[in-house]
C-alpha atoms as a PDB file:
ATOM      1  CA  ILE A   1     -31.908-125.309   0.089  1.00  0.00           C
ATOM      2  CA  LEU A   2     -30.110-128.915   0.749  1.00  0.00           C
ATOM      3  CA  VAL A   3     -32.325-130.845   3.274  1.00  0.00           C
ATOM      4  CA  THR A   4     -30.235-133.645   4.526  1.00  0.00           C
ATOM      5  CA  GLY A   5     -32.300-136.425   5.946  1.00  0.00           C
ATOM      6  CA  GLY A   6     -35.213-135.326   3.894  1.00  0.00           C
ATOM      7  CA  ALA A   7     -36.816-138.296   3.603  1.00  0.00           C
ATOM      8  CA  GLY A   8     -37.314-138.627   7.368  1.00  0.00           C
ATOM      9  CA  TYR A   9     -39.883-137.665   9.694  1.00  0.00           C
ATOM     10  CA  ILE A  10     -39.097-134.148  10.528  1.00  0.00           C
ATOM     11  CA  GLY A  11     -36.745-133.749   7.367  1.00  0.00           C
ATOM     12  CA  SER A  12     -39.907-134.437   5.146  1.00  0.00           C
ATOM     13  CA  HIS A  13     -42.237-132.074   6.882  1.00  0.00           C
ATOM     14  CA  MET A  14     -39.080-129.253   6.100  1.00  0.00           C
ATOM     15  CA  VAL A  15     -39.353-129.975   2.323  1.00  0.00           C
ATOM     16  CA  LEU A  16     -43.101-129.509   2.374  1.00  0.00           C
ATOM     17  CA  ALA A  17     -42.768-126.406   4.037  1.00  0.00           C
ATOM     18  CA  LEU A  18     -40.280-124.932   2.218  1.00  0.00           C
ATOM     19  CA  ARG A  19     -41.770-125.664  -1.315  1.00  0.00           C
ATOM     20  CA  ASP A  20     -45.172-124.346   0.054  1.00  0.00           C
ATOM     21  CA  ALA A  21     -42.858-121.027   0.803  1.00  0.00           C
ATOM     22  CA  GLY A  22     -42.049-121.297  -2.551  1.00  0.00           C
ATOM     23  CA  GLU A  23     -38.442-122.245  -1.924  1.00  0.00           C
ATOM     24  CA  ALA A  24     -36.205-124.810  -4.152  1.00  0.00           C
ATOM     25  CA  PRO A  25     -35.208-127.704  -1.912  1.00  0.00           C
ATOM     26  CA  VAL A  26     -32.800-130.581  -2.527  1.00  0.00           C
ATOM     27  CA  VAL A  27     -32.986-133.383  -0.700  1.00  0.00           C
ATOM     28  CA  LEU A  28     -29.965-135.650   0.055  1.00  0.00           C
ATOM     29  CA  ASP A  29     -30.772-139.221   2.247  1.00  0.00           C
ATOM     30  CA  ASN A  30     -29.067-142.560   2.668  1.00  0.00           C
ATOM     31  CA  LEU A  31     -32.607-143.968   3.031  1.00  0.00           C
ATOM     32  CA  SER A  32     -31.360-145.743   6.672  1.00  0.00           C
ATOM     33  CA  THR A  33     -34.443-144.762   8.334  1.00  0.00           C
ATOM     34  CA  GLY A  34     -36.337-142.579   5.848  1.00  0.00           C
ATOM     35  CA  THR A  35     -38.517-143.288   2.899  1.00  0.00           C
ATOM     36  CA  ARG A  36     -38.317-142.196  -0.704  1.00  0.00           C
ATOM     37  CA  LEU A  37     -41.755-142.172  -0.593  1.00  0.00           C
ATOM     38  CA  ALA A  38     -41.750-139.019   1.788  1.00  0.00           C
ATOM     39  CA  VAL A  39     -39.890-136.873  -0.576  1.00  0.00           C
ATOM     40  CA  PRO A  40     -42.485-134.982  -3.256  1.00  0.00           C
ATOM     41  CA  ASP A  41     -42.586-135.564  -6.760  1.00  0.00           C
ATOM     42  CA  GLY A  42     -40.504-132.943  -8.761  1.00  0.00           C
ATOM     43  CA  VAL A  43     -38.151-132.315  -5.834  1.00  0.00           C
ATOM     44  CA  PRO A  44     -34.640-133.700  -6.753  1.00  0.00           C
ATOM     45  CA  PHE A  45     -33.855-136.536  -4.289  1.00  0.00           C
ATOM     46  CA  TYR A  46     -30.102-137.824  -4.209  1.00  0.00           C
ATOM     47  CA  GLN A  47     -29.593-141.148  -2.272  1.00  0.00           C
ATOM     48  CA  GLY A  48     -26.201-141.188  -0.337  1.00  0.00           C
ATOM     49  CA  ASP A  49     -24.758-139.989   2.838  1.00  0.00           C
ATOM     50  CA  CYS A  50     -24.100-136.254   4.379  1.00  0.00           C
ATOM     51  CA  GLY A  51     -20.731-137.534   5.310  1.00  0.00           C
ATOM     52  CA  ASP A  52     -19.609-138.331   0.997  1.00  0.00           C
ATOM     53  CA  ALA A  53     -17.975-135.496   0.586  1.00  0.00           C
ATOM     54  CA  ALA A  54     -17.527-135.988  -3.081  1.00  0.00           C
ATOM     55  CA  LEU A  55     -21.210-136.211  -3.468  1.00  0.00           C
ATOM     56  CA  VAL A  56     -21.994-133.497  -1.055  1.00  0.00           C
ATOM     57  CA  GLY A  57     -19.640-130.996  -2.896  1.00  0.00           C
ATOM     58  CA  SER A  58     -20.884-132.030  -6.351  1.00  0.00           C
ATOM     59  CA  ILE A  59     -24.959-131.186  -5.015  1.00  0.00           C
ATOM     60  CA  LEU A  60     -23.827-128.014  -3.660  1.00  0.00           C
ATOM     61  CA  LYS A  61     -21.681-126.936  -6.472  1.00  0.00           C
ATOM     62  CA  GLU A  62     -24.521-128.388  -8.935  1.00  0.00           C
ATOM     63  CA  ARG A  63     -27.676-126.852  -7.136  1.00  0.00           C
ATOM     64  CA  GLU A  64     -26.020-123.744  -6.404  1.00  0.00           C
ATOM     65  CA  ILE A  65     -26.982-124.422  -2.788  1.00  0.00           C
ATOM     66  CA  ASP A  66     -26.681-121.658  -0.255  1.00  0.00           C
ATOM     67  CA  THR A  67     -28.408-123.160   2.690  1.00  0.00           C
ATOM     68  CA  ILE A  68     -28.087-126.531   4.095  1.00  0.00           C
ATOM     69  CA  ILE A  69     -30.819-127.807   6.661  1.00  0.00           C
ATOM     70  CA  HIS A  70     -29.106-130.760   8.436  1.00  0.00           C
ATOM     71  CA  PHE A  71     -31.455-133.747   9.859  1.00  0.00           C
ATOM     72  CA  ALA A  72     -29.517-136.826   8.831  1.00  0.00           C
ATOM     73  CA  ALA A  73     -28.357-138.327  12.337  1.00  0.00           C
ATOM     74  CA  SER A  74     -28.989-141.425  14.297  1.00  0.00           C
ATOM     75  CA  ILE A  75     -31.342-140.601  17.503  1.00  0.00           C
ATOM     76  CA  VAL A  76     -31.988-143.671  19.655  1.00  0.00           C
ATOM     77  CA  VAL A  77     -30.619-142.675  23.092  1.00  0.00           C
ATOM     78  CA  SER A  78     -30.341-146.522  24.110  1.00  0.00           C
ATOM     79  CA  GLU A  79     -28.196-147.335  20.957  1.00  0.00           C
ATOM     80  CA  SER A  80     -25.905-144.509  21.409  1.00  0.00           C
ATOM     81  CA  VAL A  81     -25.093-145.742  24.973  1.00  0.00           C
ATOM     82  CA  ALA A  82     -24.981-149.498  23.516  1.00  0.00           C
ATOM     83  CA  ASP A  83     -22.787-148.100  20.374  1.00  0.00           C
ATOM     84  CA  PRO A  84     -21.556-144.577  21.216  1.00  0.00           C
ATOM     85  CA  LEU A  85     -18.745-145.181  18.471  1.00  0.00           C
ATOM     86  CA  ALA A  86     -21.567-145.639  15.990  1.00  0.00           C
ATOM     87  CA  TYR A  87     -23.113-142.125  16.947  1.00  0.00           C
ATOM     88  CA  TYR A  88     -19.963-140.326  17.020  1.00  0.00           C
ATOM     89  CA  GLU A  89     -19.268-141.800  13.582  1.00  0.00           C
ATOM     90  CA  ASN A  90     -22.914-141.240  11.881  1.00  0.00           C
ATOM     91  CA  ASN A  91     -23.599-137.916  13.868  1.00  0.00           C
ATOM     92  CA  THR A  92     -20.327-136.064  14.774  1.00  0.00           C
ATOM     93  CA  VAL A  93     -17.908-137.338  12.107  1.00  0.00           C
ATOM     94  CA  LYS A  94     -20.249-137.111   9.147  1.00  0.00           C
ATOM     95  CA  SER A  95     -21.602-133.726  10.050  1.00  0.00           C
ATOM     96  CA  ARG A  96     -18.077-132.577  10.179  1.00  0.00           C
ATOM     97  CA  SER A  97     -17.579-133.260   6.922  1.00  0.00           C
ATOM     98  CA  LEU A  98     -20.775-131.781   5.670  1.00  0.00           C
ATOM     99  CA  ILE A  99     -19.648-128.718   7.269  1.00  0.00           C
ATOM    100  CA  GLU A 100     -16.246-128.462   5.626  1.00  0.00           C
ATOM    101  CA  ALA A 101     -17.978-129.194   2.378  1.00  0.00           C
ATOM    102  CA  ALA A 102     -20.563-126.348   2.762  1.00  0.00           C
ATOM    103  CA  VAL A 103     -17.590-123.916   3.815  1.00  0.00           C
ATOM    104  CA  ARG A 104     -15.516-125.151   0.633  1.00  0.00           C
ATOM    105  CA  ALA A 105     -18.635-124.380  -1.833  1.00  0.00           C
ATOM    106  CA  GLY A 106     -19.102-121.004   0.462  1.00  0.00           C
ATOM    107  CA  VAL A 107     -22.840-121.615   1.508  1.00  0.00           C
ATOM    108  CA  ALA A 108     -24.091-119.050   3.232  1.00  0.00           C
ATOM    109  CA  ARG A 109     -26.388-120.357   5.941  1.00  0.00           C
ATOM    110  CA  PHE A 110     -26.402-123.825   7.846  1.00  0.00           C
ATOM    111  CA  VAL A 111     -29.527-124.820  10.157  1.00  0.00           C
ATOM    112  CA  PHE A 112     -28.628-127.875  12.483  1.00  0.00           C
ATOM    113  CA  SER A 113     -31.268-130.058  13.931  1.00  0.00           C
ATOM    114  CA  SER A 114     -29.772-130.184  17.187  1.00  0.00           C
ATOM    115  CA  THR A 115     -31.630-131.632  20.340  1.00  0.00           C
ATOM    116  CA  ALA A 116     -32.526-130.762  24.069  1.00  0.00           C
ATOM    117  CA  ALA A 117     -30.727-133.430  25.291  1.00  0.00           C
ATOM    118  CA  VAL A 118     -27.456-131.350  25.072  1.00  0.00           C
ATOM    119  CA  TYR A 119     -29.099-130.095  28.296  1.00  0.00           C
ATOM    120  CA  GLY A 120     -28.728-133.443  29.826  1.00  0.00           C
ATOM    121  CA  ASN A 121     -30.814-132.952  33.368  1.00  0.00           C
ATOM    122  CA  PRO A 122     -31.062-129.091  33.419  1.00  0.00           C
ATOM    123  CA  GLN A 123     -31.212-127.080  36.808  1.00  0.00           C
ATOM    124  CA  GLY A 124     -34.421-125.422  36.108  1.00  0.00           C
ATOM    125  CA  VAL A 125     -37.892-125.418  34.258  1.00  0.00           C
ATOM    126  CA  PRO A 126     -38.541-123.996  31.801  1.00  0.00           C
ATOM    127  CA  VAL A 127     -35.095-124.453  30.134  1.00  0.00           C
ATOM    128  CA  ARG A 128     -34.035-121.520  28.796  1.00  0.00           C
ATOM    129  CA  GLU A 129     -32.053-121.563  25.577  1.00  0.00           C
ATOM    130  CA  ASP A 130     -28.284-120.411  27.444  1.00  0.00           C
ATOM    131  CA  SER A 131     -29.300-123.114  30.098  1.00  0.00           C
ATOM    132  CA  ALA A 132     -25.974-124.901  30.794  1.00  0.00           C
ATOM    133  CA  THR A 133     -25.173-128.017  28.437  1.00  0.00           C
ATOM    134  CA  ALA A 134     -24.413-131.083  30.180  1.00  0.00           C
ATOM    135  CA  PRO A 135     -25.426-133.864  28.270  1.00  0.00           C
ATOM    136  CA  ILE A 136     -25.559-137.467  29.674  1.00  0.00           C
ATOM    137  CA  ASN A 137     -25.422-139.716  26.828  1.00  0.00           C
ATOM    138  CA  PRO A 138     -23.861-139.985  23.250  1.00  0.00           C
ATOM    139  CA  TYR A 139     -26.478-139.095  21.583  1.00  0.00           C
ATOM    140  CA  GLY A 140     -26.870-135.916  23.232  1.00  0.00           C
ATOM    141  CA  ARG A 141     -22.676-135.496  23.209  1.00  0.00           C
ATOM    142  CA  SER A 142     -22.357-135.763  19.518  1.00  0.00           C
ATOM    143  CA  LYS A 143     -24.981-133.362  18.986  1.00  0.00           C
ATOM    144  CA  LEU A 144     -22.903-130.629  21.160  1.00  0.00           C
ATOM    145  CA  MET A 145     -19.998-131.567  19.530  1.00  0.00           C
ATOM    146  CA  ILE A 146     -21.719-130.697  16.287  1.00  0.00           C
ATOM    147  CA  GLU A 147     -23.025-127.460  17.766  1.00  0.00           C
ATOM    148  CA  TRP A 148     -19.345-126.541  18.779  1.00  0.00           C
ATOM    149  CA  MET A 149     -18.085-127.351  15.478  1.00  0.00           C
ATOM    150  CA  LEU A 150     -20.541-124.996  13.854  1.00  0.00           C
ATOM    151  CA  ALA A 151     -19.725-122.078  16.539  1.00  0.00           C
ATOM    152  CA  ASP A 152     -15.667-122.594  15.740  1.00  0.00           C
ATOM    153  CA  ILE A 153     -16.424-122.189  12.088  1.00  0.00           C
ATOM    154  CA  ALA A 154     -18.483-119.034  12.119  1.00  0.00           C
ATOM    155  CA  ARG A 155     -15.921-117.411  13.941  1.00  0.00           C
ATOM    156  CA  VAL A 156     -13.668-118.194  11.330  1.00  0.00           C
ATOM    157  CA  SER A 157     -15.456-118.175   7.897  1.00  0.00           C
ATOM    158  CA  PRO A 158     -18.468-116.521   6.403  1.00  0.00           C
ATOM    159  CA  LEU A 159     -21.214-119.412   7.570  1.00  0.00           C
ATOM    160  CA  LYS A 160     -23.904-118.349   9.220  1.00  0.00           C
ATOM    161  CA  TYR A 161     -25.916-121.161  11.653  1.00  0.00           C
ATOM    162  CA  CYS A 162     -28.523-121.786  13.918  1.00  0.00           C
ATOM    163  CA  ALA A 163     -29.105-124.958  16.171  1.00  0.00           C
ATOM    164  CA  LEU A 164     -32.334-126.029  16.842  1.00  0.00           C
ATOM    165  CA  ARG A 165     -32.593-127.442  20.392  1.00  0.00           C
ATOM    166  CA  TYR A 166     -35.986-128.960  20.627  1.00  0.00           C
ATOM    167  CA  PHE A 167     -37.630-131.601  22.757  1.00  0.00           C
ATOM    168  CA  ASN A 168     -40.283-133.810  21.254  1.00  0.00           C
ATOM    169  CA  VAL A 169     -40.770-132.397  17.999  1.00  0.00           C
ATOM    170  CA  ALA A 170     -44.316-134.392  17.477  1.00  0.00           C
ATOM    171  CA  GLY A 171     -45.817-133.983  20.972  1.00  0.00           C
END
C-alpha cells in the first residue's frame, strides 16, 4: 500500500495503523511539511513528489502496489486564496499524474484524503455525505476536482476509489 504524504500528520498515523494491521505500507513524501522521523523504521521510504510520474511508476512496479492512500496535498485555506495556482498545481495537477500512474500500473484501489471544504457553506447540519458540494475557496475546489477525476476514471477503468471528506481530523 503506497501512502503518499506518509511522513505528515495524518499519513504517518495511517502508516502506523496499516503496519499494526499486518499490511505492508510504503511511504512517498517530499517532506515539504512532513518529517522523515514520522516514518517508522522498516517502512520503505521514498523522498519525492507524488506528481513525479517516473518515480511513482517505478515505486508502483518495484513494490507491486495494489492500493494507494493519497494524503499528499497543501491544506491551508488562506494560502489557497492568496495563491490559487499553487494549490491547483500541487493538489489537482499532481494528483492527476498520480491517478494516471495508478491506472497505468493496474492499481486496484485508491483512497483519497479529500475534505469537508468541498461542501462550502452547507445548507443543513449535520452535513451528509450526499449533501451538495459548493466549495468556496481554491483549497476546497482543488480537492473536489480530484474527486471528479477519480469518479470519471472509475467509470472507464478497473480502479475503485473512495474519498474521505472529514472536517477536523484531530479534533
